[in-house]
Amino acid sequence: MAIFIIERVDDRAGAKSLAPLVIAGALSIMYWRHFDDLRPYAVVQFVPCIALPVMAIVIPPMYTHSSYWLWAAGFYLLAKVEEAADKTIYNWTHQIVSGHTLKHLCAAMVPVFLALMLAKRTTEPERISLLQKWKTSWVAVRERRFKDSSTVDVDCGYAVVSSISEQ
């Protein structure tokens, strides 16, 4: 969360949020151990699953490839769901794989997406939030649809992504 705040808001806000976030995590674990109540721990675990995607959509990025944050948050959320459905998944797969195993596989995808984001990104020349980009796309599709109500034109652009420079 602190790294995301550094990237989306500013360095000082992110640095200031680091200590309270770490303390909140530690306190939630101590509360769980002392009172045998997982609710504060669950809040600390699941709030980022909601906050990161919302912030990624609403706050304009400073760097390109910011949609990778959404992928990372999605895999983290999926890992948490698999953790909660551990025994159910184990029974569904006829005792072949557990939800706990799948949780670790999905959680391992989070740093993969963040590493890809860091490797590919550059400074964003024009800071536009994903929400603003989506609104622009929706308006363009709507305008084309109303031009000719019997057909809908959808333009798809493709980009070649390669780590090898062309000779």
N, C-alpha and C. Protein backbone atom coordinates (compact mmCIF):
# COMPACT_ATOMS: atom_id res chain seq x y z
N MET A 1 0.83 -1.19 0.00
CA MET A 1 0.00 0.00 0.00
C MET A 1 0.87 1.25 0.00
N ALA A 2 1.92 1.25 0.81
CA ALA A 2 2.79 2.43 0.89
C ALA A 2 3.48 2.70 -0.44
N ILE A 3 3.94 1.64 -1.11
CA ILE A 3 4.58 1.81 -2.41
C ILE A 3 3.59 2.36 -3.41
N PHE A 4 2.37 1.87 -3.36
CA PHE A 4 1.35 2.36 -4.27
C PHE A 4 1.06 3.84 -4.01
N ILE A 5 0.99 4.23 -2.75
CA ILE A 5 0.77 5.63 -2.39
C ILE A 5 1.93 6.49 -2.87
N ILE A 6 3.15 5.98 -2.74
CA ILE A 6 4.32 6.70 -3.25
C ILE A 6 4.18 6.95 -4.75
N GLU A 7 3.74 5.93 -5.47
CA GLU A 7 3.62 6.05 -6.93
C GLU A 7 2.46 6.92 -7.37
N ARG A 8 1.34 6.87 -6.66
CA ARG A 8 0.15 7.58 -7.12
C ARG A 8 -0.04 8.95 -6.50
N VAL A 9 0.37 9.12 -5.25
CA VAL A 9 0.13 10.39 -4.57
C VAL A 9 1.43 11.19 -4.54
N ASP A 10 2.32 10.86 -3.63
CA ASP A 10 3.66 11.44 -3.63
C ASP A 10 4.55 10.69 -2.64
N ASP A 11 5.85 10.97 -2.71
CA ASP A 11 6.83 10.25 -1.90
C ASP A 11 6.59 10.43 -0.40
N ARG A 12 6.33 11.66 0.01
CA ARG A 12 6.16 11.92 1.45
C ARG A 12 4.95 11.20 2.02
N ALA A 13 3.83 11.25 1.32
CA ALA A 13 2.62 10.60 1.81
C ALA A 13 2.84 9.09 1.93
N GLY A 14 3.51 8.50 0.95
CA GLY A 14 3.78 7.07 1.00
C GLY A 14 4.72 6.70 2.13
N ALA A 15 5.76 7.50 2.31
CA ALA A 15 6.72 7.24 3.38
C ALA A 15 6.05 7.39 4.75
N LYS A 16 5.19 8.40 4.89
CA LYS A 16 4.48 8.60 6.15
C LYS A 16 3.47 7.48 6.43
N SER A 17 2.95 6.85 5.39
CA SER A 17 1.96 5.79 5.59
C SER A 17 2.60 4.45 5.94
N LEU A 18 3.88 4.29 5.69
CA LEU A 18 4.53 3.00 5.90
C LEU A 18 4.46 2.54 7.35
N ALA A 19 4.88 3.38 8.29
CA ALA A 19 4.88 3.00 9.71
C ALA A 19 3.46 2.67 10.21
N PRO A 20 2.45 3.52 9.96
CA PRO A 20 1.11 3.17 10.42
C PRO A 20 0.58 1.86 9.80
N LEU A 21 0.91 1.60 8.55
CA LEU A 21 0.46 0.36 7.92
C LEU A 21 1.12 -0.86 8.55
N VAL A 22 2.40 -0.77 8.82
CA VAL A 22 3.12 -1.88 9.48
C VAL A 22 2.58 -2.09 10.89
N ILE A 23 2.37 -1.00 11.61
CA ILE A 23 1.82 -1.09 12.98
C ILE A 23 0.42 -1.70 12.96
N ALA A 24 -0.41 -1.28 12.00
CA ALA A 24 -1.77 -1.84 11.89
C ALA A 24 -1.70 -3.35 11.65
N GLY A 25 -0.80 -3.78 10.79
CA GLY A 25 -0.63 -5.21 10.53
C GLY A 25 -0.20 -5.96 11.78
N ALA A 26 0.79 -5.42 12.49
CA ALA A 26 1.27 -6.08 13.70
C ALA A 26 0.20 -6.11 14.79
N LEU A 27 -0.51 -5.01 14.96
CA LEU A 27 -1.58 -4.97 15.96
C LEU A 27 -2.71 -5.95 15.64
N SER A 28 -3.02 -6.10 14.36
CA SER A 28 -4.08 -7.05 14.00
C SER A 28 -3.68 -8.47 14.35
N ILE A 29 -2.41 -8.80 14.19
CA ILE A 29 -1.94 -10.15 14.55
C ILE A 29 -1.93 -10.33 16.07
N MET A 30 -1.49 -9.30 16.80
CA MET A 30 -1.50 -9.40 18.27
C MET A 30 -2.93 -9.53 18.79
N TYR A 31 -3.87 -8.77 18.19
CA TYR A 31 -5.27 -8.86 18.59
C TYR A 31 -5.79 -10.27 18.34
N TRP A 32 -5.47 -10.81 17.19
CA TRP A 32 -5.89 -12.16 16.83
C TRP A 32 -5.36 -13.17 17.84
N ARG A 33 -4.08 -13.06 18.19
CA ARG A 33 -3.47 -14.00 19.14
C ARG A 33 -4.07 -13.87 20.54
N HIS A 34 -4.32 -12.63 20.95
CA HIS A 34 -4.80 -12.40 22.32
C HIS A 34 -6.28 -12.72 22.48
N PHE A 35 -7.11 -12.30 21.51
CA PHE A 35 -8.56 -12.45 21.63
C PHE A 35 -9.14 -13.58 20.75
N ASP A 36 -8.30 -14.23 19.97
CA ASP A 36 -8.74 -15.28 19.05
C ASP A 36 -9.87 -14.76 18.15
N ASP A 37 -9.67 -13.56 17.63
CA ASP A 37 -10.65 -12.89 16.77
C ASP A 37 -9.92 -12.40 15.52
N LEU A 38 -10.31 -12.91 14.37
CA LEU A 38 -9.63 -12.60 13.11
C LEU A 38 -10.15 -11.35 12.40
N ARG A 39 -11.16 -10.70 12.94
CA ARG A 39 -11.76 -9.57 12.21
C ARG A 39 -10.78 -8.44 11.89
N PRO A 40 -9.98 -7.94 12.84
CA PRO A 40 -9.02 -6.89 12.46
C PRO A 40 -7.98 -7.38 11.44
N TYR A 41 -7.55 -8.61 11.58
CA TYR A 41 -6.60 -9.19 10.61
C TYR A 41 -7.24 -9.26 9.22
N ALA A 42 -8.50 -9.66 9.17
CA ALA A 42 -9.21 -9.74 7.89
C ALA A 42 -9.33 -8.36 7.25
N VAL A 43 -9.58 -7.35 8.08
CA VAL A 43 -9.66 -5.98 7.55
C VAL A 43 -8.32 -5.57 6.94
N VAL A 44 -7.24 -5.85 7.65
CA VAL A 44 -5.89 -5.49 7.16
C VAL A 44 -5.58 -6.27 5.88
N GLN A 45 -6.06 -7.48 5.76
CA GLN A 45 -5.79 -8.30 4.58
C GLN A 45 -6.66 -7.91 3.39
N PHE A 46 -7.92 -7.57 3.62
CA PHE A 46 -8.85 -7.36 2.51
C PHE A 46 -9.02 -5.90 2.09
N VAL A 47 -8.75 -4.95 2.96
CA VAL A 47 -8.88 -3.54 2.56
C VAL A 47 -7.98 -3.21 1.37
N PRO A 48 -6.72 -3.69 1.33
CA PRO A 48 -5.91 -3.42 0.13
C PRO A 48 -6.50 -4.03 -1.15
N CYS A 49 -7.22 -5.14 -1.02
CA CYS A 49 -7.85 -5.75 -2.20
C CYS A 49 -8.90 -4.84 -2.80
N ILE A 50 -9.49 -3.99 -1.99
CA ILE A 50 -10.50 -3.04 -2.46
C ILE A 50 -9.83 -1.69 -2.78
N ALA A 51 -8.97 -1.23 -1.87
CA ALA A 51 -8.38 0.11 -2.01
C ALA A 51 -7.45 0.22 -3.21
N LEU A 52 -6.60 -0.78 -3.44
CA LEU A 52 -5.64 -0.69 -4.55
C LEU A 52 -6.34 -0.58 -5.91
N PRO A 53 -7.29 -1.45 -6.22
CA PRO A 53 -7.95 -1.28 -7.52
C PRO A 53 -8.70 0.05 -7.66
N VAL A 54 -9.37 0.47 -6.59
CA VAL A 54 -10.10 1.75 -6.66
C VAL A 54 -9.11 2.89 -6.89
N MET A 55 -8.02 2.90 -6.13
CA MET A 55 -7.02 3.95 -6.30
C MET A 55 -6.36 3.86 -7.68
N ALA A 56 -6.12 2.63 -8.17
CA ALA A 56 -5.51 2.46 -9.49
C ALA A 56 -6.41 3.00 -10.59
N ILE A 57 -7.71 2.90 -10.40
CA ILE A 57 -8.66 3.37 -11.40
C ILE A 57 -8.86 4.88 -11.32
N VAL A 58 -8.88 5.43 -10.11
CA VAL A 58 -9.25 6.84 -9.92
C VAL A 58 -8.06 7.80 -9.96
N ILE A 59 -6.94 7.42 -9.36
CA ILE A 59 -5.79 8.34 -9.26
C ILE A 59 -4.89 8.16 -10.48
N PRO A 60 -4.57 9.24 -11.18
CA PRO A 60 -3.71 9.13 -12.36
C PRO A 60 -2.32 8.61 -12.01
N PRO A 61 -1.75 7.72 -12.84
CA PRO A 61 -0.43 7.17 -12.56
C PRO A 61 0.69 8.11 -12.98
N MET A 62 1.84 7.94 -12.36
CA MET A 62 3.04 8.67 -12.76
C MET A 62 3.84 7.88 -13.80
N TYR A 63 3.53 6.58 -13.92
CA TYR A 63 4.29 5.70 -14.80
C TYR A 63 3.35 4.92 -15.71
N THR A 64 3.89 4.39 -16.81
CA THR A 64 3.12 3.56 -17.71
C THR A 64 2.94 2.16 -17.11
N HIS A 65 2.13 1.35 -17.73
CA HIS A 65 1.87 -0.04 -17.33
C HIS A 65 1.27 -0.14 -15.92
N SER A 66 0.50 0.84 -15.53
CA SER A 66 -0.07 0.82 -14.18
C SER A 66 -1.19 -0.19 -14.03
N SER A 67 -1.72 -0.71 -15.13
CA SER A 67 -2.78 -1.71 -15.03
C SER A 67 -2.26 -3.01 -14.40
N TYR A 68 -0.96 -3.19 -14.35
CA TYR A 68 -0.40 -4.38 -13.70
C TYR A 68 -0.74 -4.40 -12.21
N TRP A 69 -0.97 -3.23 -11.62
CA TRP A 69 -1.41 -3.19 -10.22
C TRP A 69 -2.75 -3.91 -10.08
N LEU A 70 -3.63 -3.74 -11.06
CA LEU A 70 -4.93 -4.41 -11.01
C LEU A 70 -4.78 -5.92 -11.09
N TRP A 71 -3.89 -6.39 -11.96
CA TRP A 71 -3.62 -7.82 -12.05
C TRP A 71 -3.07 -8.35 -10.73
N ALA A 72 -2.13 -7.62 -10.15
CA ALA A 72 -1.55 -8.06 -8.87
C ALA A 72 -2.61 -8.12 -7.78
N ALA A 73 -3.46 -7.10 -7.70
CA ALA A 73 -4.52 -7.09 -6.69
C ALA A 73 -5.51 -8.22 -6.93
N GLY A 74 -5.81 -8.50 -8.19
CA GLY A 74 -6.72 -9.58 -8.51
C GLY A 74 -6.18 -10.94 -8.09
N PHE A 75 -4.90 -11.17 -8.33
CA PHE A 75 -4.30 -12.44 -7.92
C PHE A 75 -4.22 -12.55 -6.40
N TYR A 76 -3.98 -11.42 -5.73
CA TYR A 76 -3.94 -11.44 -4.27
C TYR A 76 -5.33 -11.77 -3.71
N LEU A 77 -6.35 -11.15 -4.28
CA LEU A 77 -7.72 -11.44 -3.85
C LEU A 77 -8.08 -12.90 -4.11
N LEU A 78 -7.70 -13.40 -5.28
CA LEU A 78 -7.95 -14.81 -5.59
C LEU A 78 -7.23 -15.73 -4.60
N ALA A 79 -6.01 -15.36 -4.21
CA ALA A 79 -5.27 -16.15 -3.22
C ALA A 79 -6.02 -16.17 -1.89
N LYS A 80 -6.59 -15.06 -1.49
CA LYS A 80 -7.33 -14.99 -0.23
C LYS A 80 -8.61 -15.83 -0.30
N VAL A 81 -9.28 -15.82 -1.44
CA VAL A 81 -10.48 -16.64 -1.61
C VAL A 81 -10.11 -18.12 -1.55
N GLU A 82 -9.03 -18.48 -2.21
CA GLU A 82 -8.58 -19.87 -2.18
C GLU A 82 -8.18 -20.31 -0.77
N GLU A 83 -7.61 -19.41 -0.03
CA GLU A 83 -7.25 -19.70 1.36
C GLU A 83 -8.51 -19.98 2.18
N ALA A 84 -9.54 -19.18 1.97
CA ALA A 84 -10.78 -19.35 2.72
C ALA A 84 -11.52 -20.62 2.31
N ALA A 85 -11.35 -21.03 1.06
CA ALA A 85 -12.05 -22.21 0.55
C ALA A 85 -11.13 -23.43 0.48
N ASP A 86 -10.17 -23.49 1.36
CA ASP A 86 -9.15 -24.54 1.34
C ASP A 86 -9.75 -25.95 1.28
N LYS A 87 -10.57 -26.29 2.25
CA LYS A 87 -11.12 -27.64 2.32
C LYS A 87 -12.10 -27.92 1.18
N THR A 88 -12.86 -26.92 0.80
CA THR A 88 -13.80 -27.09 -0.30
C THR A 88 -13.06 -27.42 -1.59
N ILE A 89 -12.01 -26.66 -1.87
CA ILE A 89 -11.20 -26.91 -3.07
C ILE A 89 -10.57 -28.30 -2.99
N TYR A 90 -10.09 -28.67 -1.83
CA TYR A 90 -9.48 -29.99 -1.64
C TYR A 90 -10.49 -31.10 -1.95
N ASN A 91 -11.72 -30.91 -1.51
CA ASN A 91 -12.76 -31.91 -1.80
C ASN A 91 -13.17 -31.90 -3.27
N TRP A 92 -13.28 -30.71 -3.87
CA TRP A 92 -13.65 -30.60 -5.29
C TRP A 92 -12.64 -31.28 -6.20
N THR A 93 -11.36 -31.22 -5.82
CA THR A 93 -10.31 -31.80 -6.65
C THR A 93 -10.02 -33.25 -6.27
N HIS A 94 -10.90 -33.86 -5.49
CA HIS A 94 -10.74 -35.25 -5.05
C HIS A 94 -9.40 -35.46 -4.35
N GLN A 95 -9.09 -34.57 -3.42
CA GLN A 95 -7.90 -34.62 -2.58
C GLN A 95 -6.58 -34.57 -3.39
N ILE A 96 -6.62 -33.91 -4.54
CA ILE A 96 -5.40 -33.78 -5.35
C ILE A 96 -4.65 -32.49 -4.99
N VAL A 97 -5.38 -31.39 -4.87
CA VAL A 97 -4.75 -30.11 -4.57
C VAL A 97 -5.65 -29.35 -3.59
N SER A 98 -5.03 -28.63 -2.68
CA SER A 98 -5.80 -27.87 -1.69
C SER A 98 -5.86 -26.40 -2.07
N GLY A 99 -6.77 -25.70 -1.44
CA GLY A 99 -6.86 -24.26 -1.64
C GLY A 99 -5.60 -23.56 -1.15
N HIS A 100 -4.98 -24.14 -0.12
CA HIS A 100 -3.75 -23.55 0.43
C HIS A 100 -2.64 -23.58 -0.63
N THR A 101 -2.54 -24.68 -1.37
CA THR A 101 -1.54 -24.78 -2.43
C THR A 101 -1.81 -23.74 -3.52
N LEU A 102 -3.07 -23.66 -3.95
CA LEU A 102 -3.43 -22.69 -4.99
C LEU A 102 -3.22 -21.26 -4.50
N LYS A 103 -3.45 -21.03 -3.21
CA LYS A 103 -3.21 -19.71 -2.63
C LYS A 103 -1.77 -19.29 -2.84
N HIS A 104 -0.84 -20.20 -2.58
CA HIS A 104 0.58 -19.87 -2.75
C HIS A 104 0.93 -19.62 -4.21
N LEU A 105 0.33 -20.37 -5.11
CA LEU A 105 0.59 -20.14 -6.53
C LEU A 105 0.08 -18.78 -6.98
N CYS A 106 -1.12 -18.42 -6.55
CA CYS A 106 -1.68 -17.11 -6.91
C CYS A 106 -0.91 -15.97 -6.24
N ALA A 107 -0.56 -16.16 -4.98
CA ALA A 107 0.20 -15.12 -4.28
C ALA A 107 1.56 -14.91 -4.93
N ALA A 108 2.13 -15.97 -5.48
CA ALA A 108 3.42 -15.85 -6.17
C ALA A 108 3.31 -15.04 -7.45
N MET A 109 2.12 -14.92 -8.00
CA MET A 109 1.93 -14.13 -9.22
C MET A 109 1.98 -12.63 -8.95
N VAL A 110 1.73 -12.23 -7.72
CA VAL A 110 1.73 -10.80 -7.38
C VAL A 110 3.10 -10.17 -7.67
N PRO A 111 4.21 -10.70 -7.11
CA PRO A 111 5.49 -10.08 -7.43
C PRO A 111 5.88 -10.25 -8.90
N VAL A 112 5.37 -11.27 -9.58
CA VAL A 112 5.65 -11.43 -11.01
C VAL A 112 5.07 -10.24 -11.77
N PHE A 113 3.81 -9.92 -11.52
CA PHE A 113 3.19 -8.79 -12.22
C PHE A 113 3.84 -7.47 -11.84
N LEU A 114 4.20 -7.31 -10.58
CA LEU A 114 4.84 -6.06 -10.16
C LEU A 114 6.24 -5.94 -10.77
N ALA A 115 6.96 -7.06 -10.88
CA ALA A 115 8.29 -7.03 -11.52
C ALA A 115 8.16 -6.70 -13.01
N LEU A 116 7.17 -7.28 -13.68
CA LEU A 116 6.93 -6.95 -15.08
C LEU A 116 6.61 -5.47 -15.24
N MET A 117 5.79 -4.95 -14.34
CA MET A 117 5.43 -3.54 -14.39
C MET A 117 6.68 -2.67 -14.25
N LEU A 118 7.53 -3.01 -13.29
CA LEU A 118 8.74 -2.23 -13.07
C LEU A 118 9.69 -2.33 -14.26
N ALA A 119 9.77 -3.50 -14.88
CA ALA A 119 10.67 -3.68 -16.01
C ALA A 119 10.21 -2.92 -17.25
N LYS A 120 8.91 -2.82 -17.45
CA LYS A 120 8.38 -2.22 -18.67
C LYS A 120 8.08 -0.73 -18.56
N ARG A 121 7.91 -0.22 -17.37
CA ARG A 121 7.35 1.12 -17.25
C ARG A 121 8.34 2.22 -17.56
N THR A 122 7.76 3.34 -17.96
CA THR A 122 8.48 4.59 -18.16
C THR A 122 7.63 5.68 -17.51
N THR A 123 8.17 6.88 -17.45
CA THR A 123 7.40 7.98 -16.88
C THR A 123 6.23 8.30 -17.80
N GLU A 124 5.08 8.45 -17.19
CA GLU A 124 3.85 8.75 -17.95
C GLU A 124 3.87 10.22 -18.35
N PRO A 125 3.90 10.51 -19.66
CA PRO A 125 3.97 11.91 -20.09
C PRO A 125 2.71 12.69 -19.75
N GLU A 126 1.56 12.03 -19.83
CA GLU A 126 0.30 12.69 -19.55
C GLU A 126 -0.44 11.87 -18.50
N ARG A 127 -0.60 12.43 -17.31
CA ARG A 127 -1.23 11.69 -16.21
C ARG A 127 -2.74 11.68 -16.38
N ILE A 128 -3.26 10.53 -16.83
CA ILE A 128 -4.70 10.34 -17.00
C ILE A 128 -5.06 9.06 -16.26
N SER A 129 -6.08 9.14 -15.42
CA SER A 129 -6.49 7.96 -14.66
C SER A 129 -7.14 6.93 -15.59
N LEU A 130 -7.14 5.68 -15.15
CA LEU A 130 -7.81 4.63 -15.92
C LEU A 130 -9.29 4.95 -16.10
N LEU A 131 -9.90 5.53 -15.09
CA LEU A 131 -11.32 5.89 -15.18
C LEU A 131 -11.54 6.89 -16.31
N GLN A 132 -10.67 7.90 -16.42
CA GLN A 132 -10.80 8.88 -17.50
C GLN A 132 -10.59 8.23 -18.86
N LYS A 133 -9.62 7.30 -18.95
CA LYS A 133 -9.39 6.60 -20.22
C LYS A 133 -10.60 5.77 -20.59
N TRP A 134 -11.18 5.07 -19.61
CA TRP A 134 -12.34 4.23 -19.88
C TRP A 134 -13.54 5.07 -20.29
N LYS A 135 -13.73 6.23 -19.62
CA LYS A 135 -14.83 7.11 -20.00
C LYS A 135 -14.69 7.56 -21.45
N THR A 136 -13.47 7.91 -21.84
CA THR A 136 -13.21 8.34 -23.22
C THR A 136 -13.54 7.21 -24.19
N SER A 137 -13.13 5.99 -23.85
CA SER A 137 -13.41 4.84 -24.71
C SER A 137 -14.90 4.58 -24.81
N TRP A 138 -15.60 4.65 -23.68
CA TRP A 138 -17.05 4.41 -23.68
C TRP A 138 -17.77 5.44 -24.53
N VAL A 139 -17.35 6.70 -24.43
CA VAL A 139 -17.98 7.76 -25.21
C VAL A 139 -17.74 7.52 -26.69
N ALA A 140 -16.53 7.12 -27.06
CA ALA A 140 -16.22 6.88 -28.47
C ALA A 140 -17.05 5.72 -29.02
N VAL A 141 -17.19 4.65 -28.26
CA VAL A 141 -18.00 3.51 -28.69
C VAL A 141 -19.46 3.92 -28.80
N ARG A 142 -19.96 4.67 -27.84
CA ARG A 142 -21.35 5.12 -27.85
C ARG A 142 -21.62 6.01 -29.07
N GLU A 143 -20.68 6.91 -29.38
CA GLU A 143 -20.86 7.80 -30.53
C GLU A 143 -20.91 7.01 -31.83
N ARG A 144 -20.05 6.00 -31.95
CA ARG A 144 -20.06 5.18 -33.16
C ARG A 144 -21.34 4.37 -33.27
N ARG A 145 -21.86 3.92 -32.13
CA ARG A 145 -23.08 3.12 -32.13
C ARG A 145 -24.26 3.96 -32.59
N PHE A 146 -24.32 5.23 -32.17
CA PHE A 146 -25.43 6.08 -32.54
C PHE A 146 -25.32 6.59 -33.98
N LYS A 147 -24.12 6.56 -34.54
CA LYS A 147 -23.94 6.97 -35.93
C LYS A 147 -24.77 6.08 -36.85
N ASP A 148 -24.66 4.80 -36.63
CA ASP A 148 -25.43 3.83 -37.41
C ASP A 148 -25.96 2.80 -36.43
N SER A 149 -27.23 2.90 -36.09
CA SER A 149 -27.79 2.07 -35.03
C SER A 149 -27.82 0.60 -35.38
N SER A 150 -27.66 0.23 -36.66
CA SER A 150 -27.71 -1.18 -37.02
C SER A 150 -26.36 -1.88 -36.84
N THR A 151 -25.26 -1.12 -36.83
CA THR A 151 -23.93 -1.74 -36.66
C THR A 151 -23.15 -0.99 -35.60
N VAL A 152 -22.18 -1.67 -35.06
CA VAL A 152 -21.30 -1.07 -34.07
C VAL A 152 -19.87 -1.25 -34.55
N ASP A 153 -19.14 -0.15 -34.70
CA ASP A 153 -17.73 -0.22 -35.06
C ASP A 153 -16.91 -0.25 -33.79
N VAL A 154 -16.01 -1.19 -33.70
CA VAL A 154 -15.10 -1.24 -32.57
C VAL A 154 -13.69 -1.33 -33.13
N ASP A 155 -12.88 -0.34 -32.82
CA ASP A 155 -11.49 -0.34 -33.27
C ASP A 155 -10.63 -1.01 -32.21
N CYS A 156 -9.82 -1.95 -32.65
CA CYS A 156 -8.90 -2.62 -31.74
C CYS A 156 -7.48 -2.36 -32.22
N GLY A 157 -6.66 -1.87 -31.34
CA GLY A 157 -5.27 -1.65 -31.67
C GLY A 157 -4.40 -2.68 -30.98
N TYR A 158 -3.40 -3.16 -31.67
CA TYR A 158 -2.51 -4.15 -31.11
C TYR A 158 -1.10 -3.60 -31.10
N ALA A 159 -0.36 -3.93 -30.07
CA ALA A 159 1.02 -3.50 -29.97
C ALA A 159 1.89 -4.73 -29.81
N VAL A 160 3.04 -4.70 -30.45
CA VAL A 160 3.99 -5.80 -30.32
C VAL A 160 4.89 -5.49 -29.14
N VAL A 161 4.95 -6.41 -28.21
CA VAL A 161 5.76 -6.23 -27.02
C VAL A 161 6.90 -7.22 -27.11
N SER A 162 8.11 -6.72 -27.10
CA SER A 162 9.27 -7.61 -27.21
C SER A 162 10.41 -7.05 -26.39
N SER A 163 11.16 -7.95 -25.81
CA SER A 163 12.32 -7.51 -25.04
C SER A 163 13.56 -7.50 -25.93
N ILE A 164 13.42 -7.98 -27.17
CA ILE A 164 14.54 -8.03 -28.11
C ILE A 164 14.36 -6.89 -29.09
N SER A 165 15.39 -6.07 -29.22
CA SER A 165 15.27 -4.94 -30.15
C SER A 165 15.39 -5.46 -31.57
N GLU A 166 14.62 -4.85 -32.49
CA GLU A 166 14.66 -5.26 -33.89
C GLU A 166 15.92 -4.72 -34.53
N GLN A 167 16.51 -5.54 -35.38
CA GLN A 167 17.77 -5.15 -36.05
C GLN A 167 17.47 -4.44 -37.34
